Amino acid sequence: MAETKITKKISGKTLLIAGAVMVLIILALLTTAGAFASKSDPLSQFTTQKTCSFLVMPGVAKAVCNDGTVYDVTQVGESATPLP
C-alpha cells in the first residue's frame, strides 16, 4: 500500500493576516514599554542653565554669567546680612 502525504499550502491571505497580527503585537509591546519608561521633562528643551555671579551695590544689581552675558536683576525681599 502506498502512503499518501497530505500537504497544505499556506495562502497569501493567511500570510498577510499573520504579518498584520505580528505588527500589532510588536506595536502593543512597544506602547506598553513606553508607558513604563521614565518620563523626561517636557520643558527641558526650553530650560537654560547658566552659572552667574551677582553684583549688588546701591543702585546697581546685575548678574554676570560665565558665558559673558549680563542681566539686570531686581532684588525681591529682604537683603541678606553677612555672617558675624
C-alpha atoms as a PDB file:
ATOM      1  CA  MET A   1       0.000   0.000   0.000  1.00  0.00           C
ATOM      2  CA  ALA A   2       1.261   3.378  -0.888  1.00  0.00           C
ATOM      3  CA  GLU A   3       1.266   6.002   1.765  1.00  0.00           C
ATOM      4  CA  THR A   4      -0.306   9.275   0.847  1.00  0.00           C
ATOM      5  CA  LYS A   5       1.165  12.506   2.006  1.00  0.00           C
ATOM      6  CA  ILE A   6      -1.215  15.355   2.726  1.00  0.00           C
ATOM      7  CA  THR A   7       0.248  18.759   2.136  1.00  0.00           C
ATOM      8  CA  LYS A   8      -1.366  22.094   2.831  1.00  0.00           C
ATOM      9  CA  LYS A   9      -0.399  25.245   1.093  1.00  0.00           C
ATOM     10  CA  ILE A  10      -0.403  28.450   3.076  1.00  0.00           C
ATOM     11  CA  SER A  11      -2.355  31.044   1.175  1.00  0.00           C
ATOM     12  CA  GLY A  12      -1.322  34.641   0.686  1.00  0.00           C
ATOM     13  CA  LYS A  13      -4.219  35.872   2.812  1.00  0.00           C
ATOM     14  CA  THR A  14      -3.074  33.740   5.725  1.00  0.00           C
ATOM     15  CA  LEU A  15       0.441  35.166   5.483  1.00  0.00           C
ATOM     16  CA  LEU A  16      -0.944  38.698   5.284  1.00  0.00           C
ATOM     17  CA  ILE A  17      -3.130  38.190   8.357  1.00  0.00           C
ATOM     18  CA  ALA A  18      -0.245  36.598  10.282  1.00  0.00           C
ATOM     19  CA  GLY A  19       2.005  39.527   9.379  1.00  0.00           C
ATOM     20  CA  ALA A  20      -0.625  42.052  10.493  1.00  0.00           C
ATOM     21  CA  VAL A  21      -1.073  40.227  13.800  1.00  0.00           C
ATOM     22  CA  MET A  22       2.699  40.262  14.386  1.00  0.00           C
ATOM     23  CA  VAL A  23       2.860  44.001  13.674  1.00  0.00           C
ATOM     24  CA  LEU A  24       0.014  44.640  16.136  1.00  0.00           C
ATOM     25  CA  ILE A  25       1.746  42.555  18.807  1.00  0.00           C
ATOM     26  CA  ILE A  26       5.018  44.436  18.320  1.00  0.00           C
ATOM     27  CA  LEU A  27       3.219  47.811  18.487  1.00  0.00           C
ATOM     28  CA  ALA A  28       1.411  46.740  21.667  1.00  0.00           C
ATOM     29  CA  LEU A  29       4.708  45.707  23.273  1.00  0.00           C
ATOM     30  CA  LEU A  30       6.397  48.987  22.314  1.00  0.00           C
ATOM     31  CA  THR A  31       3.461  51.010  23.633  1.00  0.00           C
ATOM     32  CA  THR A  32       3.470  49.095  26.909  1.00  0.00           C
ATOM     33  CA  ALA A  33       7.234  49.527  27.268  1.00  0.00           C
ATOM     34  CA  GLY A  34       6.872  53.272  26.589  1.00  0.00           C
ATOM     35  CA  ALA A  35       4.191  53.605  29.248  1.00  0.00           C
ATOM     36  CA  PHE A  36       6.570  52.324  31.920  1.00  0.00           C
ATOM     37  CA  ALA A  37       9.648  54.187  30.714  1.00  0.00           C
ATOM     38  CA  SER A  38      10.743  57.172  32.746  1.00  0.00           C
ATOM     39  CA  LYS A  39       9.330  60.424  31.505  1.00  0.00           C
ATOM     40  CA  SER A  40      11.740  63.222  30.771  1.00  0.00           C
ATOM     41  CA  ASP A  41      10.919  66.830  31.496  1.00  0.00           C
ATOM     42  CA  PRO A  42       8.903  68.139  28.512  1.00  0.00           C
ATOM     43  CA  LEU A  43      10.148  71.674  29.164  1.00  0.00           C
ATOM     44  CA  SER A  44      13.815  70.680  29.219  1.00  0.00           C
ATOM     45  CA  GLN A  45      14.277  71.880  25.640  1.00  0.00           C
ATOM     46  CA  PHE A  46      13.336  75.395  26.799  1.00  0.00           C
ATOM     47  CA  THR A  47      15.364  75.396  30.036  1.00  0.00           C
ATOM     48  CA  THR A  48      18.626  77.300  30.052  1.00  0.00           C
ATOM     49  CA  GLN A  49      21.036  76.885  32.924  1.00  0.00           C
ATOM     50  CA  LYS A  50      23.850  79.338  33.442  1.00  0.00           C
ATOM     51  CA  THR A  51      26.439  79.927  36.114  1.00  0.00           C
ATOM     52  CA  CYS A  52      26.287  83.554  37.169  1.00  0.00           C
ATOM     53  CA  SER A  53      27.733  85.825  39.825  1.00  0.00           C
ATOM     54  CA  PHE A  54      25.590  88.564  41.295  1.00  0.00           C
ATOM     55  CA  LEU A  55      26.806  92.103  41.779  1.00  0.00           C
ATOM     56  CA  VAL A  56      24.664  94.090  44.205  1.00  0.00           C
ATOM     57  CA  MET A  57      25.571  97.655  45.074  1.00  0.00           C
ATOM     58  CA  PRO A  58      23.400 100.650  45.900  1.00  0.00           C
ATOM     59  CA  GLY A  59      21.524 101.470  42.703  1.00  0.00           C
ATOM     60  CA  VAL A  60      23.079  98.621  40.711  1.00  0.00           C
ATOM     61  CA  ALA A  61      22.041  94.971  40.625  1.00  0.00           C
ATOM     62  CA  LYS A  62      23.493  92.801  37.872  1.00  0.00           C
ATOM     63  CA  ALA A  63      24.077  89.136  37.151  1.00  0.00           C
ATOM     64  CA  VAL A  64      27.297  88.456  35.258  1.00  0.00           C
ATOM     65  CA  CYS A  65      27.371  84.957  33.763  1.00  0.00           C
ATOM     66  CA  ASN A  66      30.320  82.793  32.715  1.00  0.00           C
ATOM     67  CA  ASP A  67      29.343  82.952  29.039  1.00  0.00           C
ATOM     68  CA  GLY A  68      29.715  86.756  29.081  1.00  0.00           C
ATOM     69  CA  THR A  69      26.052  87.713  29.276  1.00  0.00           C
ATOM     70  CA  VAL A  70      24.986  90.385  31.749  1.00  0.00           C
ATOM     71  CA  TYR A  71      21.471  90.736  33.130  1.00  0.00           C
ATOM     72  CA  ASP A  72      19.828  93.488  35.144  1.00  0.00           C
ATOM     73  CA  VAL A  73      18.219  91.932  38.195  1.00  0.00           C
ATOM     74  CA  THR A  74      15.795  93.138  40.808  1.00  0.00           C
ATOM     75  CA  GLN A  75      16.150  92.173  44.434  1.00  0.00           C
ATOM     76  CA  VAL A  76      12.998  90.695  45.914  1.00  0.00           C
ATOM     77  CA  GLY A  77      12.519  90.568  49.665  1.00  0.00           C
ATOM     78  CA  GLU A  78      14.977  91.451  52.400  1.00  0.00           C
ATOM     79  CA  SER A  79      18.665  91.707  51.714  1.00  0.00           C
ATOM     80  CA  ALA A  80      20.812  89.048  53.279  1.00  0.00           C
ATOM     81  CA  THR A  81      23.016  90.062  56.178  1.00  0.00           C
ATOM     82  CA  PRO A  82      26.580  88.777  56.262  1.00  0.00           C
ATOM     83  CA  LEU A  83      27.516  86.258  58.906  1.00  0.00           C
ATOM     84  CA  PRO A  84      29.202  87.716  62.021  1.00  0.00           C
END
